[in-house]
């Protein structure tokens, strides 16, 4: 009876070792699959388009900022010109 229990315990221990080994193998395979997917994603067209879109966005914001700055500068110059003309008209009166 004692030997049967020892054999059962040994078989159960071997089963646990095999299950753990299989678990590691599955996790390694899944890790390889995920790395392969990420490598494909990093080189994919959508990833490149995303970066291009971000660069376009930065360019657009800079252009808009420059246009706004120029508009304000022109507005300031126009204001000065109007004040000058107004002063000249007052001086003539």
Protein backbone atom coordinates (compact mmCIF):
# COMPACT_ATOMS: atom_id res chain seq x y z
CA UNK A 1 0.00 0.00 0.00
CA UNK A 2 2.83 2.37 0.83
CA UNK A 3 4.45 1.85 -2.56
CA UNK A 4 1.21 2.58 -4.37
CA UNK A 5 0.92 5.91 -2.55
CA UNK A 6 4.52 6.80 -3.39
CA UNK A 7 3.99 5.90 -7.04
CA UNK A 8 0.82 7.98 -7.10
CA UNK A 9 2.62 10.97 -5.54
CA UNK A 10 5.49 10.62 -7.99
CA UNK A 11 3.09 10.41 -10.96
CA UNK A 12 1.20 13.46 -9.67
CA UNK A 13 4.48 15.37 -9.26
CA UNK A 14 5.47 14.47 -12.83
CA UNK A 15 2.07 15.60 -14.07
CA UNK A 16 2.52 18.99 -12.35
CA UNK A 17 6.00 19.38 -13.88
CA UNK A 18 4.62 18.58 -17.35
CA UNK A 19 1.74 21.03 -16.92
CA UNK A 20 4.15 23.76 -15.85
CA UNK A 21 6.44 23.02 -18.81
CA UNK A 22 3.45 23.22 -21.18
CA UNK A 23 2.35 26.49 -19.58
CA UNK A 24 5.80 28.00 -20.16
CA UNK A 25 5.77 26.81 -23.76
CA UNK A 26 2.37 28.42 -24.38
CA UNK A 27 3.47 31.69 -22.76
CA UNK A 28 6.64 31.76 -24.86
CA UNK A 29 4.67 31.11 -28.03
CA UNK A 30 2.19 33.87 -27.15
CA UNK A 31 5.04 36.27 -26.39
CA UNK A 32 6.64 35.55 -29.78
CA UNK A 33 3.31 36.11 -31.51
CA UNK A 34 2.76 39.44 -29.75
CA UNK A 35 6.30 40.64 -30.58
CA UNK A 36 5.78 39.69 -34.24
CA UNK A 37 2.49 41.61 -34.34
CA UNK A 38 4.12 44.69 -32.76
CA UNK A 39 7.01 44.55 -35.24
CA UNK A 40 4.52 44.44 -38.10
CA UNK A 41 2.57 47.32 -36.59
CA UNK A 42 5.66 49.47 -36.16
CA UNK A 43 6.55 49.02 -39.81
CA UNK A 44 3.01 49.24 -41.11
CA UNK A 45 1.58 51.95 -43.29
CA UNK A 46 -0.92 53.05 -40.65
CA UNK A 47 1.90 53.75 -38.21
CA UNK A 48 3.72 55.83 -40.84
CA UNK A 49 0.51 57.67 -41.70
CA UNK A 50 -0.05 58.43 -38.03
CA UNK A 51 3.37 60.07 -37.77
CA UNK A 52 2.83 61.96 -41.02
CA UNK A 53 -0.51 63.22 -39.71
CA UNK A 54 1.12 64.47 -36.52
CA UNK A 55 3.78 66.30 -38.55
CA UNK A 56 1.06 67.85 -40.74
CA UNK A 57 -0.74 68.96 -37.60
CA UNK A 58 2.39 70.65 -36.25
CA UNK A 59 2.96 72.38 -39.59
CA UNK A 60 -0.66 73.58 -39.70
CA UNK A 61 -0.47 74.96 -36.15
CA UNK A 62 2.77 76.80 -36.95
CA UNK A 63 1.31 78.23 -40.16
CA UNK A 64 -1.84 79.35 -38.33
CA UNK A 65 0.24 80.96 -35.62
CA UNK A 66 2.38 82.80 -38.19
CA UNK A 67 -0.70 83.99 -40.06
CA UNK A 68 -2.26 85.27 -36.85
CA UNK A 69 0.95 87.06 -35.92
CA UNK A 70 1.14 88.72 -39.36
CA UNK A 71 -2.52 89.72 -39.15
CA UNK A 72 -1.99 91.37 -35.77
CA UNK A 73 1.10 93.18 -37.06
CA UNK A 74 -0.84 94.51 -40.07
CA UNK A 75 -3.68 95.53 -37.79
CA UNK A 76 -1.24 97.47 -35.63
CA UNK A 77 0.27 99.22 -38.65
CA UNK A 78 -3.19 100.08 -39.94
CA UNK A 79 -4.12 101.52 -36.54
CA UNK A 80 -1.02 103.72 -36.56
CA UNK A 81 -1.78 104.92 -40.10
CA UNK A 82 -5.38 105.78 -39.17
CA UNK A 83 -4.16 107.73 -36.11
CA UNK A 84 -1.68 109.62 -38.31
CA UNK A 85 -4.35 110.56 -40.83
CA UNK A 86 -6.71 111.60 -38.04
CA UNK A 87 -4.04 113.83 -36.49
CA UNK A 88 -3.30 115.41 -39.88
CA UNK A 89 -7.00 116.12 -40.40
CA UNK A 90 -7.23 117.69 -36.93
CA UNK A 91 -4.15 119.81 -37.66
CA UNK A 92 -5.71 121.15 -40.90
CA UNK A 93 -8.84 122.30 -39.09
